[in-house]
Amino acid sequence: MPEKPPDPGEPDPRRAAVLGLIVTLLLLVLGYVIVKVLADSSRLQDCAMSGRSNCAPITAPNGDSQ
């Protein structure tokens, strides 16, 4: 007996799975970025609390603008 073609009104189950995978990957990337930002902030605060004055790197302009 041949398979009945899917009803056009029924949603494709693969679409929900792909959407779930995309949302999961987005949350993982966002979580990683937040962890990196918090770690950098914590490192800077630890440096400042230890009394050092050169904790944050300062980039000087090249001076070649003339």
Protein backbone atom coordinates (compact mmCIF):
# COMPACT_ATOMS: atom_id res chain seq x y z
CA MET A 1 0.00 0.00 0.00
CA PRO A 2 1.57 3.35 -1.01
CA GLU A 3 2.08 6.03 1.62
CA LYS A 4 -0.49 8.78 1.81
CA PRO A 5 0.98 12.21 0.94
CA PRO A 6 1.16 14.51 3.96
CA ASP A 7 -1.75 16.85 4.53
CA PRO A 8 -0.74 20.39 3.48
CA GLY A 9 -2.33 21.71 6.67
CA GLU A 10 0.04 19.73 8.94
CA PRO A 11 3.29 21.47 9.91
CA ASP A 12 6.56 19.79 8.99
CA PRO A 13 8.07 18.25 12.16
CA ARG A 14 11.58 18.92 10.87
CA ARG A 15 10.89 22.66 10.87
CA ALA A 16 10.28 22.64 14.63
CA ALA A 17 13.43 20.58 15.20
CA VAL A 18 15.57 22.96 13.13
CA LEU A 19 14.06 25.97 14.87
CA GLY A 20 14.80 24.39 18.25
CA LEU A 21 18.39 23.71 17.21
CA ILE A 22 18.86 27.31 16.05
CA VAL A 23 17.45 28.67 19.31
CA THR A 24 19.69 26.34 21.33
CA LEU A 25 22.80 27.37 19.40
CA LEU A 26 21.89 31.04 19.77
CA LEU A 27 21.53 30.63 23.54
CA LEU A 28 24.87 28.82 23.75
CA VAL A 29 26.68 31.57 21.83
CA LEU A 30 25.00 34.28 23.90
CA GLY A 31 25.94 32.47 27.11
CA TYR A 32 29.56 32.16 25.97
CA VAL A 33 29.75 35.89 25.19
CA ILE A 34 28.28 36.79 28.57
CA VAL A 35 30.76 34.53 30.37
CA LYS A 36 33.69 36.12 28.50
CA VAL A 37 32.50 39.66 29.30
CA LEU A 38 32.00 38.82 32.97
CA ALA A 39 35.41 37.13 33.18
CA ASP A 40 37.14 40.18 31.67
CA SER A 41 35.28 42.48 34.04
CA SER A 42 36.21 40.30 37.01
CA ARG A 43 39.87 40.25 35.96
CA LEU A 44 39.88 44.06 35.72
CA GLN A 45 38.21 44.43 39.12
CA ASP A 46 40.66 42.00 40.74
CA CYS A 47 43.56 43.96 39.30
CA ALA A 48 42.17 47.28 40.52
CA MET A 49 41.39 45.89 43.99
CA SER A 50 44.99 44.73 44.35
CA GLY A 51 46.12 48.35 44.06
CA ARG A 52 47.64 48.31 40.60
CA SER A 53 47.20 51.33 38.36
CA ASN A 54 47.90 49.77 34.95
CA CYS A 55 44.99 47.31 34.82
CA ALA A 56 43.20 48.42 31.66
CA PRO A 57 45.25 48.62 28.47
CA ILE A 58 45.15 52.04 26.85
CA THR A 59 45.64 52.24 23.11
CA ALA A 60 47.36 55.41 22.01
CA PRO A 61 46.61 56.96 18.62
CA ASN A 62 49.33 56.52 16.01
CA GLY A 63 49.95 60.22 15.52
CA ASP A 64 50.19 59.74 11.74
CA SER A 65 47.08 61.83 11.14
CA GLN A 66 48.99 64.93 10.04
